[in-house]
């Protein structure tokens, strides 16, 4: 009886998390449609329409991953076009939306199998493997897009005393490797499930 209650709680939790991932998926899909359109439209805007003077001096902050923060100086006397920075932000958001869309789709599919009492479905091993490789590749892509954004800030505001160092996100790589191992576990679990079903 306790096991049945525990299973019901897990399935209920899986249902809630699946809804969250589905919402994230559709937000990512909409972003993939809208962001490139905005990026294309901005290219037709004159540089004068995106000058630093359009923003209140001293309150225009640019933050990179919570580490780098740049505030436009209040005594800035020269107008600077921030179009390259906006381009970099939109490009970074578009690339991230691709990753979120794939991740959210695969996770919602995995959670659906938990709801249907078939977590060791053969496709789940492939889904976990896809997420694992997505995180490993994303660990490089994420850092590259961050570096591109940082370079846009440096070049636009001419902050040449800063250097951009491109690395990898170790946490993403480790998580990706763990998911690849789990993919193998699920593949073996799927094999055992098929063997068990064939004996019934």
N, C-alpha and C. Protein backbone atom coordinates (compact mmCIF):
# COMPACT_ATOMS: atom_id res chain seq x y z
N UNK A 1 0.83 -1.20 0.00
CA UNK A 1 0.00 0.00 0.00
C UNK A 1 0.87 1.26 0.00
N UNK A 2 1.93 1.23 0.84
CA UNK A 2 2.84 2.37 0.90
C UNK A 2 3.54 2.57 -0.44
N UNK A 3 3.90 1.45 -1.09
CA UNK A 3 4.56 1.54 -2.39
C UNK A 3 3.64 2.16 -3.44
N UNK A 4 2.37 1.79 -3.36
CA UNK A 4 1.40 2.34 -4.30
C UNK A 4 1.24 3.85 -4.11
N UNK A 5 1.19 4.30 -2.84
CA UNK A 5 1.09 5.72 -2.56
C UNK A 5 2.32 6.46 -3.05
N UNK A 6 3.48 5.83 -2.84
CA UNK A 6 4.74 6.43 -3.29
C UNK A 6 4.76 6.57 -4.80
N UNK A 7 4.29 5.54 -5.51
CA UNK A 7 4.22 5.58 -6.97
C UNK A 7 3.29 6.68 -7.45
N UNK A 8 2.17 6.84 -6.76
CA UNK A 8 1.21 7.88 -7.13
C UNK A 8 1.81 9.27 -6.95
N UNK A 9 2.58 9.45 -5.88
CA UNK A 9 3.23 10.74 -5.64
C UNK A 9 4.26 11.04 -6.73
N UNK A 10 5.02 10.01 -7.10
CA UNK A 10 6.03 10.18 -8.14
C UNK A 10 5.37 10.54 -9.47
N UNK A 11 4.28 9.85 -9.80
CA UNK A 11 3.57 10.12 -11.04
C UNK A 11 2.97 11.52 -11.04
N UNK A 12 2.46 11.95 -9.89
CA UNK A 12 1.89 13.30 -9.78
C UNK A 12 2.97 14.35 -9.97
N UNK A 13 4.13 14.11 -9.35
CA UNK A 13 5.25 15.04 -9.49
C UNK A 13 5.73 15.08 -10.94
N UNK A 14 5.79 13.90 -11.56
CA UNK A 14 6.21 13.82 -12.96
C UNK A 14 5.26 14.61 -13.86
N UNK A 15 3.96 14.54 -13.55
CA UNK A 15 2.96 15.26 -14.33
C UNK A 15 3.16 16.76 -14.24
N UNK A 16 3.42 17.25 -13.03
CA UNK A 16 3.63 18.69 -12.82
C UNK A 16 4.89 19.17 -13.54
N UNK A 17 5.99 18.42 -13.36
CA UNK A 17 7.26 18.81 -14.00
C UNK A 17 7.14 18.73 -15.52
N UNK A 18 6.38 17.75 -16.01
CA UNK A 18 6.18 17.61 -17.46
C UNK A 18 5.48 18.84 -18.02
N UNK A 19 4.49 19.36 -17.29
CA UNK A 19 3.79 20.57 -17.72
C UNK A 19 4.75 21.75 -17.79
N UNK A 20 5.64 21.85 -16.79
CA UNK A 20 6.63 22.94 -16.77
C UNK A 20 7.54 22.84 -17.99
N UNK A 21 8.01 21.62 -18.30
CA UNK A 21 8.89 21.44 -19.45
C UNK A 21 8.16 21.71 -20.77
N UNK A 22 6.87 21.38 -20.82
CA UNK A 22 6.10 21.67 -22.03
C UNK A 22 5.95 23.17 -22.25
N UNK A 23 5.71 23.89 -21.16
CA UNK A 23 5.63 25.36 -21.25
C UNK A 23 6.96 25.93 -21.72
N UNK A 24 8.06 25.42 -21.12
CA UNK A 24 9.40 25.87 -21.51
C UNK A 24 9.66 25.57 -22.98
N UNK A 25 9.22 24.41 -23.44
CA UNK A 25 9.41 24.03 -24.84
C UNK A 25 8.72 25.03 -25.77
N UNK A 26 7.46 25.34 -25.49
CA UNK A 26 6.72 26.25 -26.37
C UNK A 26 7.24 27.67 -26.30
N UNK A 27 7.71 28.09 -25.13
CA UNK A 27 8.33 29.41 -25.03
C UNK A 27 9.59 29.45 -25.89
N UNK A 28 10.37 28.37 -25.86
CA UNK A 28 11.59 28.28 -26.67
C UNK A 28 11.27 28.29 -28.15
N UNK A 29 10.21 27.58 -28.55
CA UNK A 29 9.82 27.54 -29.96
C UNK A 29 9.39 28.92 -30.44
N UNK A 30 8.57 29.60 -29.62
CA UNK A 30 8.14 30.97 -29.97
C UNK A 30 9.35 31.90 -30.07
N UNK A 31 10.30 31.72 -29.14
CA UNK A 31 11.52 32.55 -29.16
C UNK A 31 12.31 32.32 -30.43
N UNK A 32 12.36 31.06 -30.89
CA UNK A 32 13.10 30.73 -32.10
C UNK A 32 12.48 31.36 -33.34
N UNK A 33 11.19 31.69 -33.25
CA UNK A 33 10.52 32.36 -34.38
C UNK A 33 10.70 33.87 -34.27
N UNK A 34 10.51 34.40 -33.06
CA UNK A 34 10.50 35.85 -32.87
C UNK A 34 11.91 36.47 -32.88
N UNK A 35 12.85 35.84 -32.16
CA UNK A 35 14.18 36.44 -32.00
C UNK A 35 14.91 36.67 -33.33
N UNK A 36 14.94 35.69 -34.26
CA UNK A 36 15.60 35.96 -35.54
C UNK A 36 14.92 37.08 -36.33
N UNK A 37 13.59 37.20 -36.19
CA UNK A 37 12.88 38.29 -36.87
C UNK A 37 13.29 39.65 -36.31
N UNK A 38 13.39 39.72 -34.97
CA UNK A 38 13.84 40.97 -34.35
C UNK A 38 15.27 41.29 -34.77
N UNK A 39 16.12 40.25 -34.78
CA UNK A 39 17.52 40.44 -35.19
C UNK A 39 17.60 40.96 -36.62
N UNK A 40 16.78 40.40 -37.51
CA UNK A 40 16.78 40.85 -38.90
C UNK A 40 16.26 42.29 -39.01
N UNK A 41 15.21 42.61 -38.23
CA UNK A 41 14.63 43.95 -38.29
C UNK A 41 15.61 45.01 -37.80
N UNK A 42 16.39 44.67 -36.77
CA UNK A 42 17.35 45.63 -36.21
C UNK A 42 18.41 46.02 -37.22
N UNK A 43 18.72 45.10 -38.14
CA UNK A 43 19.76 45.39 -39.13
C UNK A 43 19.37 46.55 -40.04
N UNK A 44 18.05 46.79 -40.16
CA UNK A 44 17.58 47.87 -41.02
C UNK A 44 17.45 49.20 -40.29
N UNK A 45 17.64 49.16 -38.96
CA UNK A 45 17.57 50.40 -38.18
C UNK A 45 18.88 51.17 -38.30
N UNK A 46 18.82 52.48 -38.43
CA UNK A 46 20.06 53.27 -38.46
C UNK A 46 20.74 53.25 -37.09
N UNK A 47 22.05 53.35 -37.11
CA UNK A 47 22.81 53.33 -35.85
C UNK A 47 22.36 54.44 -34.90
N UNK A 48 21.90 55.56 -35.47
CA UNK A 48 21.51 56.70 -34.64
C UNK A 48 20.33 56.37 -33.72
N UNK A 49 19.52 55.38 -34.11
CA UNK A 49 18.34 55.05 -33.30
C UNK A 49 18.68 54.18 -32.10
N UNK A 50 19.92 53.69 -32.06
CA UNK A 50 20.34 52.82 -30.95
C UNK A 50 21.63 53.35 -30.32
N UNK A 51 21.63 54.65 -30.05
CA UNK A 51 22.81 55.27 -29.45
C UNK A 51 22.71 55.20 -27.93
N UNK A 52 23.85 55.27 -27.27
CA UNK A 52 23.88 55.18 -25.81
C UNK A 52 23.13 56.34 -25.15
N UNK A 53 22.98 57.44 -25.87
CA UNK A 53 22.26 58.58 -25.31
C UNK A 53 20.77 58.33 -25.17
N UNK A 54 20.29 57.26 -25.83
CA UNK A 54 18.88 56.91 -25.73
C UNK A 54 18.56 56.34 -24.34
N UNK A 55 19.60 55.91 -23.62
CA UNK A 55 19.43 55.33 -22.30
C UNK A 55 19.83 56.34 -21.24
N UNK A 56 19.22 56.25 -20.11
CA UNK A 56 19.55 57.18 -19.02
C UNK A 56 20.97 56.90 -18.54
N UNK A 57 21.78 57.89 -18.56
CA UNK A 57 23.18 57.73 -18.18
C UNK A 57 23.28 57.25 -16.74
N UNK A 58 24.15 56.30 -16.50
CA UNK A 58 24.38 55.79 -15.16
C UNK A 58 23.46 54.66 -14.77
N UNK A 59 22.42 54.38 -15.60
CA UNK A 59 21.50 53.31 -15.25
C UNK A 59 21.48 52.21 -16.31
N UNK A 60 22.28 52.38 -17.36
CA UNK A 60 22.34 51.38 -18.42
C UNK A 60 23.41 50.35 -18.06
N UNK A 61 22.95 49.20 -17.50
CA UNK A 61 23.88 48.16 -17.06
C UNK A 61 23.87 47.00 -18.04
N UNK A 62 25.03 46.41 -18.23
CA UNK A 62 25.17 45.19 -19.03
C UNK A 62 25.80 44.14 -18.13
N UNK A 63 25.16 42.99 -18.02
CA UNK A 63 25.66 41.94 -17.14
C UNK A 63 25.88 40.67 -17.94
N UNK A 64 27.01 40.02 -17.72
CA UNK A 64 27.33 38.77 -18.39
C UNK A 64 27.43 37.66 -17.36
N UNK A 65 26.43 36.78 -17.36
CA UNK A 65 26.44 35.58 -16.52
C UNK A 65 26.61 35.90 -15.03
N UNK A 66 26.19 37.10 -14.64
CA UNK A 66 26.29 37.48 -13.24
C UNK A 66 27.70 37.77 -12.77
N UNK A 67 28.67 37.73 -13.67
CA UNK A 67 30.07 37.94 -13.28
C UNK A 67 30.56 39.30 -13.74
N UNK A 68 30.36 39.60 -15.03
CA UNK A 68 30.82 40.86 -15.59
C UNK A 68 29.65 41.85 -15.61
N UNK A 69 29.84 42.99 -15.01
CA UNK A 69 28.80 44.03 -15.02
C UNK A 69 29.44 45.33 -15.49
N UNK A 70 28.81 45.95 -16.48
CA UNK A 70 29.34 47.22 -16.98
C UNK A 70 28.23 48.26 -16.96
N UNK A 71 28.53 49.41 -16.40
CA UNK A 71 27.58 50.52 -16.36
C UNK A 71 28.12 51.66 -17.20
N UNK A 72 27.25 52.16 -18.10
CA UNK A 72 27.66 53.28 -18.95
C UNK A 72 27.95 54.49 -18.05
N UNK A 73 29.15 55.06 -18.15
CA UNK A 73 29.51 56.18 -17.28
C UNK A 73 28.58 57.38 -17.46
N UNK A 74 28.31 58.09 -16.37
CA UNK A 74 27.44 59.27 -16.44
C UNK A 74 28.09 60.39 -17.23
N UNK A 75 29.42 60.42 -17.25
CA UNK A 75 30.11 61.51 -17.94
C UNK A 75 30.50 61.14 -19.36
N UNK A 76 29.87 60.10 -19.92
CA UNK A 76 30.19 59.72 -21.29
C UNK A 76 29.76 60.85 -22.22
N UNK A 77 30.68 61.39 -22.97
CA UNK A 77 30.39 62.54 -23.82
C UNK A 77 30.19 62.15 -25.28
N UNK A 78 30.53 60.92 -25.64
CA UNK A 78 30.42 60.50 -27.03
C UNK A 78 29.31 59.46 -27.16
N UNK A 79 28.42 59.71 -28.11
CA UNK A 79 27.36 58.74 -28.37
C UNK A 79 27.93 57.50 -29.02
N UNK A 80 27.52 56.35 -28.54
CA UNK A 80 28.00 55.07 -29.08
C UNK A 80 26.81 54.22 -29.46
N UNK A 81 26.85 53.60 -30.63
CA UNK A 81 25.77 52.71 -31.05
C UNK A 81 25.89 51.38 -30.31
N UNK A 82 24.79 50.99 -29.68
CA UNK A 82 24.79 49.72 -28.94
C UNK A 82 24.21 48.58 -29.79
N UNK A 83 24.07 48.80 -31.10
CA UNK A 83 23.51 47.77 -31.97
C UNK A 83 24.30 46.46 -31.90
N UNK A 84 25.66 46.48 -31.91
CA UNK A 84 26.39 45.21 -31.82
C UNK A 84 26.08 44.42 -30.55
N UNK A 85 25.84 45.14 -29.44
CA UNK A 85 25.52 44.46 -28.18
C UNK A 85 24.13 43.83 -28.27
N UNK A 86 23.17 44.56 -28.81
CA UNK A 86 21.82 44.02 -28.97
C UNK A 86 21.83 42.81 -29.91
N UNK A 87 22.61 42.90 -30.98
CA UNK A 87 22.76 41.77 -31.91
C UNK A 87 23.30 40.54 -31.18
N UNK A 88 24.33 40.77 -30.34
CA UNK A 88 24.94 39.67 -29.60
C UNK A 88 23.96 39.04 -28.62
N UNK A 89 23.16 39.89 -27.95
CA UNK A 89 22.17 39.38 -26.99
C UNK A 89 21.13 38.52 -27.71
N UNK A 90 20.63 39.00 -28.84
CA UNK A 90 19.62 38.26 -29.60
C UNK A 90 20.17 36.95 -30.15
N UNK A 91 21.42 36.98 -30.63
CA UNK A 91 22.04 35.77 -31.14
C UNK A 91 22.23 34.75 -30.02
N UNK A 92 22.70 35.22 -28.87
CA UNK A 92 22.91 34.35 -27.71
C UNK A 92 21.58 33.74 -27.25
N UNK A 93 20.54 34.55 -27.21
CA UNK A 93 19.22 34.06 -26.79
C UNK A 93 18.67 33.04 -27.78
N UNK A 94 18.91 33.25 -29.07
CA UNK A 94 18.44 32.31 -30.09
C UNK A 94 19.12 30.96 -29.95
N UNK A 95 20.44 30.98 -29.78
CA UNK A 95 21.20 29.74 -29.62
C UNK A 95 20.74 29.00 -28.36
N UNK A 96 20.57 29.73 -27.26
CA UNK A 96 20.10 29.12 -26.02
C UNK A 96 18.70 28.54 -26.16
N UNK A 97 17.86 29.19 -26.96
CA UNK A 97 16.49 28.70 -27.17
C UNK A 97 16.49 27.34 -27.86
N UNK A 98 17.44 27.13 -28.77
CA UNK A 98 17.55 25.83 -29.45
C UNK A 98 17.81 24.74 -28.42
N UNK A 99 18.77 24.99 -27.53
CA UNK A 99 19.10 24.01 -26.49
C UNK A 99 17.94 23.75 -25.55
N UNK A 100 17.28 24.82 -25.12
CA UNK A 100 16.14 24.66 -24.21
C UNK A 100 14.99 23.91 -24.88
N UNK A 101 14.78 24.14 -26.17
CA UNK A 101 13.69 23.46 -26.88
C UNK A 101 13.93 21.95 -26.93
N UNK A 102 15.18 21.57 -27.27
CA UNK A 102 15.51 20.14 -27.35
C UNK A 102 15.43 19.50 -25.97
N UNK A 103 16.04 20.15 -24.99
CA UNK A 103 16.05 19.63 -23.61
C UNK A 103 14.63 19.47 -23.07
N UNK A 104 13.81 20.49 -23.24
CA UNK A 104 12.44 20.46 -22.71
C UNK A 104 11.60 19.37 -23.39
N UNK A 105 11.77 19.23 -24.70
CA UNK A 105 11.02 18.21 -25.44
C UNK A 105 11.37 16.80 -24.96
N UNK A 106 12.66 16.53 -24.85
CA UNK A 106 13.10 15.19 -24.44
C UNK A 106 12.68 14.89 -23.00
N UNK A 107 12.80 15.88 -22.12
CA UNK A 107 12.43 15.67 -20.72
C UNK A 107 10.93 15.43 -20.56
N UNK A 108 10.11 16.16 -21.31
CA UNK A 108 8.67 15.95 -21.21
C UNK A 108 8.28 14.58 -21.73
N UNK A 109 9.00 14.07 -22.74
CA UNK A 109 8.74 12.72 -23.25
C UNK A 109 9.13 11.66 -22.22
N UNK A 110 10.26 11.86 -21.54
CA UNK A 110 10.68 10.92 -20.50
C UNK A 110 9.67 10.91 -19.35
N UNK A 111 9.24 12.09 -18.93
CA UNK A 111 8.29 12.19 -17.82
C UNK A 111 6.94 11.58 -18.18
N UNK A 112 6.57 11.64 -19.46
CA UNK A 112 5.31 11.02 -19.90
C UNK A 112 5.36 9.51 -19.72
N UNK A 113 6.54 8.91 -19.93
CA UNK A 113 6.66 7.46 -19.74
C UNK A 113 6.58 7.08 -18.26
N UNK A 114 7.03 7.99 -17.39
CA UNK A 114 6.90 7.73 -15.95
C UNK A 114 5.42 7.74 -15.56
N UNK A 115 4.68 8.67 -16.14
CA UNK A 115 3.23 8.73 -15.88
C UNK A 115 2.52 7.45 -16.33
N UNK A 116 2.99 6.88 -17.44
CA UNK A 116 2.34 5.69 -17.99
C UNK A 116 2.94 4.38 -17.47
N UNK A 117 3.74 4.48 -16.40
CA UNK A 117 4.35 3.29 -15.76
C UNK A 117 5.27 2.51 -16.69
N UNK A 118 5.95 3.22 -17.61
CA UNK A 118 6.90 2.53 -18.50
C UNK A 118 8.21 3.31 -18.61
N UNK A 119 8.87 3.57 -17.45
CA UNK A 119 10.09 4.39 -17.48
C UNK A 119 11.25 3.75 -18.23
N UNK A 120 11.22 2.40 -18.35
CA UNK A 120 12.32 1.73 -19.05
C UNK A 120 12.00 1.49 -20.52
N UNK A 121 11.17 2.35 -21.06
CA UNK A 121 10.90 2.32 -22.50
C UNK A 121 12.21 2.54 -23.25
N UNK A 122 12.36 1.79 -24.35
CA UNK A 122 13.62 1.81 -25.09
C UNK A 122 14.01 3.22 -25.54
N UNK A 123 13.02 4.03 -25.91
CA UNK A 123 13.30 5.37 -26.40
C UNK A 123 13.91 6.27 -25.33
N UNK A 124 13.65 5.97 -24.06
CA UNK A 124 14.19 6.82 -22.99
C UNK A 124 15.71 6.80 -22.95
N UNK A 125 16.30 5.67 -23.29
CA UNK A 125 17.76 5.58 -23.34
C UNK A 125 18.30 6.55 -24.40
N UNK A 126 17.63 6.60 -25.55
CA UNK A 126 18.05 7.51 -26.62
C UNK A 126 17.83 8.97 -26.21
N UNK A 127 16.72 9.21 -25.52
CA UNK A 127 16.43 10.58 -25.07
C UNK A 127 17.47 11.07 -24.07
N UNK A 128 17.84 10.21 -23.13
CA UNK A 128 18.87 10.59 -22.15
C UNK A 128 20.21 10.81 -22.83
N UNK A 129 20.51 9.97 -23.81
CA UNK A 129 21.76 10.13 -24.56
C UNK A 129 21.78 11.46 -25.31
N UNK A 130 20.64 11.82 -25.92
CA UNK A 130 20.54 13.10 -26.64
C UNK A 130 20.76 14.27 -25.69
N UNK A 131 20.14 14.21 -24.51
CA UNK A 131 20.30 15.29 -23.52
C UNK A 131 21.76 15.35 -23.05
N UNK A 132 22.37 14.18 -22.84
CA UNK A 132 23.77 14.13 -22.41
C UNK A 132 24.69 14.81 -23.41
N UNK A 133 24.53 14.45 -24.70
CA UNK A 133 25.37 15.06 -25.75
C UNK A 133 25.06 16.54 -25.91
N UNK A 134 23.78 16.90 -25.72
CA UNK A 134 23.39 18.31 -25.81
C UNK A 134 24.13 19.13 -24.75
N UNK A 135 24.21 18.60 -23.52
CA UNK A 135 24.91 19.31 -22.45
C UNK A 135 26.41 19.39 -22.70
N UNK A 136 26.99 18.31 -23.21
CA UNK A 136 28.44 18.31 -23.49
C UNK A 136 28.77 19.32 -24.58
N UNK A 137 28.00 19.29 -25.68
CA UNK A 137 28.23 20.26 -26.76
C UNK A 137 27.89 21.67 -26.27
N UNK A 138 26.80 21.77 -25.49
CA UNK A 138 26.37 23.06 -24.97
C UNK A 138 27.39 23.71 -24.05
N UNK A 139 28.21 22.89 -23.38
CA UNK A 139 29.23 23.44 -22.48
C UNK A 139 30.24 24.29 -23.24
N UNK A 140 30.46 23.94 -24.52
CA UNK A 140 31.36 24.74 -25.37
C UNK A 140 30.60 25.92 -25.99
N UNK A 141 29.42 25.62 -26.55
CA UNK A 141 28.63 26.65 -27.25
C UNK A 141 28.23 27.77 -26.31
N UNK A 142 27.83 27.41 -25.08
CA UNK A 142 27.42 28.41 -24.09
C UNK A 142 28.55 29.39 -23.80
N UNK A 143 29.77 28.85 -23.63
CA UNK A 143 30.92 29.71 -23.35
C UNK A 143 31.27 30.57 -24.56
N UNK A 144 31.12 30.01 -25.77
CA UNK A 144 31.42 30.78 -26.98
C UNK A 144 30.45 31.94 -27.16
N UNK A 145 29.16 31.70 -26.90
CA UNK A 145 28.18 32.79 -27.03
C UNK A 145 28.42 33.85 -25.97
N UNK A 146 28.79 33.43 -24.76
CA UNK A 146 29.13 34.40 -23.72
C UNK A 146 30.35 35.23 -24.12
N UNK A 147 31.34 34.57 -24.71
CA UNK A 147 32.55 35.28 -25.15
C UNK A 147 32.21 36.27 -26.27
N UNK A 148 31.33 35.88 -27.17
CA UNK A 148 30.91 36.76 -28.26
C UNK A 148 30.22 38.01 -27.70
N UNK A 149 29.37 37.79 -26.70
CA UNK A 149 28.67 38.91 -26.04
C UNK A 149 29.68 39.82 -25.35
N UNK A 150 30.64 39.22 -24.64
CA UNK A 150 31.66 40.00 -23.94
C UNK A 150 32.49 40.82 -24.91
N UNK A 151 32.85 40.22 -26.06
CA UNK A 151 33.63 40.94 -27.07
C UNK A 151 32.84 42.11 -27.64
N UNK A 152 31.52 41.91 -27.79
CA UNK A 152 30.68 43.00 -28.29
C UNK A 152 30.70 44.18 -27.32
N UNK A 153 30.64 43.88 -26.01
CA UNK A 153 30.70 44.95 -24.99
C UNK A 153 32.05 45.65 -25.05
N UNK A 154 33.12 44.86 -25.09
CA UNK A 154 34.48 45.41 -25.09
C UNK A 154 34.72 46.29 -26.31
N UNK A 155 34.31 45.81 -27.48
CA UNK A 155 34.53 46.57 -28.71
C UNK A 155 33.65 47.82 -28.77
N UNK A 156 32.41 47.69 -28.32
CA UNK A 156 31.48 48.83 -28.40
C UNK A 156 31.93 49.96 -27.48
N UNK A 157 32.25 49.63 -26.24
CA UNK A 157 32.62 50.65 -25.26
C UNK A 157 34.13 50.83 -25.14
N UNK A 158 34.86 50.09 -25.99
CA UNK A 158 36.33 50.23 -26.04
C UNK A 158 36.98 50.05 -24.67
N UNK A 159 36.61 48.92 -24.02
CA UNK A 159 37.18 48.60 -22.70
C UNK A 159 38.35 47.64 -22.94
N UNK A 160 39.40 48.14 -23.51
CA UNK A 160 40.49 47.26 -23.94
C UNK A 160 41.37 46.74 -22.81
N UNK A 161 41.06 47.14 -21.59
CA UNK A 161 41.83 46.61 -20.46
C UNK A 161 41.30 45.23 -20.03
N UNK A 162 40.20 44.78 -20.63
CA UNK A 162 39.63 43.47 -20.31
C UNK A 162 40.00 42.45 -21.38
N UNK A 163 40.23 41.23 -20.96
CA UNK A 163 40.47 40.13 -21.89
C UNK A 163 39.35 39.11 -21.76
N UNK A 164 39.03 38.46 -22.86
CA UNK A 164 38.00 37.42 -22.86
C UNK A 164 38.70 36.07 -22.96
N UNK A 165 38.45 35.22 -21.98
CA UNK A 165 39.03 33.87 -21.97
C UNK A 165 37.89 32.87 -22.18
N UNK A 166 38.02 32.07 -23.21
CA UNK A 166 36.98 31.08 -23.54
C UNK A 166 37.37 29.74 -22.93
N UNK A 167 36.46 29.17 -22.16
CA UNK A 167 36.70 27.86 -21.56
C UNK A 167 35.51 26.95 -21.80
N UNK A 168 35.29 26.04 -20.90
CA UNK A 168 34.13 25.15 -20.98
C UNK A 168 33.41 25.17 -19.64
N UNK A 169 32.14 24.81 -19.67
CA UNK A 169 31.36 24.71 -18.44
C UNK A 169 31.51 23.30 -17.90
N UNK A 170 32.35 23.14 -16.87
CA UNK A 170 32.64 21.82 -16.33
C UNK A 170 31.40 21.12 -15.78
N UNK A 171 30.51 21.89 -15.16
CA UNK A 171 29.30 21.29 -14.58
C UNK A 171 28.43 20.67 -15.67
N UNK A 172 28.33 21.35 -16.81
CA UNK A 172 27.53 20.82 -17.91
C UNK A 172 28.15 19.55 -18.49
N UNK A 173 29.49 19.53 -18.59
CA UNK A 173 30.17 18.35 -19.11
C UNK A 173 29.96 17.15 -18.18
N UNK A 174 30.14 17.38 -16.88
CA UNK A 174 29.98 16.28 -15.91
C UNK A 174 28.55 15.77 -15.92
N UNK A 175 27.58 16.70 -15.95
CA UNK A 175 26.17 16.29 -16.00
C UNK A 175 25.88 15.51 -17.27
N UNK A 176 26.44 15.96 -18.38
CA UNK A 176 26.26 15.26 -19.65
C UNK A 176 26.81 13.85 -19.61
N UNK A 177 27.99 13.68 -19.03
CA UNK A 177 28.61 12.35 -18.92
C UNK A 177 27.77 11.44 -18.02
N UNK A 178 27.25 11.99 -16.93
CA UNK A 178 26.40 11.20 -16.03
C UNK A 178 25.14 10.73 -16.77
N UNK A 179 24.57 11.61 -17.59
CA UNK A 179 23.37 11.24 -18.34
C UNK A 179 23.68 10.18 -19.40
N UNK A 180 24.87 10.23 -19.98
CA UNK A 180 25.26 9.18 -20.94
C UNK A 180 25.37 7.83 -20.24
N UNK A 181 25.89 7.84 -19.01
CA UNK A 181 25.97 6.60 -18.23
C UNK A 181 24.57 6.11 -17.89
N UNK A 182 23.70 7.04 -17.46
CA UNK A 182 22.31 6.68 -17.16
C UNK A 182 21.59 6.15 -18.39
N UNK A 183 21.96 6.66 -19.55
CA UNK A 183 21.38 6.17 -20.80
C UNK A 183 21.68 4.69 -20.98
N UNK A 184 22.92 4.30 -20.65
CA UNK A 184 23.29 2.89 -20.72
C UNK A 184 22.51 2.05 -19.72
N UNK A 185 22.31 2.61 -18.52
CA UNK A 185 21.53 1.91 -17.48
C UNK A 185 20.10 1.69 -17.95
N UNK A 186 19.50 2.73 -18.54
CA UNK A 186 18.13 2.63 -19.03
C UNK A 186 18.03 1.65 -20.20
N UNK A 187 19.07 1.61 -21.02
CA UNK A 187 19.08 0.67 -22.14
C UNK A 187 19.08 -0.77 -21.61
N UNK A 188 19.88 -1.00 -20.58
CA UNK A 188 19.92 -2.33 -19.97
C UNK A 188 18.60 -2.63 -19.27
N UNK A 189 18.02 -1.63 -18.61
CA UNK A 189 16.72 -1.80 -17.97
C UNK A 189 15.63 -2.14 -18.97
N UNK A 190 15.71 -1.52 -20.14
CA UNK A 190 14.75 -1.81 -21.20
C UNK A 190 14.88 -3.25 -21.67
N UNK A 191 16.13 -3.72 -21.76
CA UNK A 191 16.38 -5.11 -22.17
C UNK A 191 15.79 -6.08 -21.14
N UNK A 192 16.02 -5.79 -19.85
CA UNK A 192 15.48 -6.65 -18.78
C UNK A 192 13.96 -6.64 -18.79
N UNK A 193 13.37 -5.46 -19.07
CA UNK A 193 11.91 -5.35 -19.11
C UNK A 193 11.34 -6.21 -20.24
N UNK A 194 12.02 -6.17 -21.39
CA UNK A 194 11.56 -7.00 -22.52
C UNK A 194 11.68 -8.48 -22.21
N UNK A 195 12.78 -8.85 -21.54
CA UNK A 195 12.95 -10.25 -21.16
C UNK A 195 11.87 -10.69 -20.18
N UNK A 196 11.55 -9.79 -19.24
CA UNK A 196 10.52 -10.11 -18.24
C UNK A 196 9.15 -10.23 -18.91
N UNK A 197 8.84 -9.32 -19.81
CA UNK A 197 7.55 -9.34 -20.49
C UNK A 197 7.39 -10.59 -21.37
N UNK A 198 8.50 -11.05 -21.94
CA UNK A 198 8.43 -12.21 -22.83
C UNK A 198 8.20 -13.52 -22.08
N UNK A 199 8.52 -13.50 -20.76
CA UNK A 199 8.33 -14.70 -19.97
C UNK A 199 6.91 -14.82 -19.39
N UNK A 200 6.14 -13.72 -19.51
CA UNK A 200 4.77 -13.73 -18.97
C UNK A 200 3.79 -14.35 -19.97
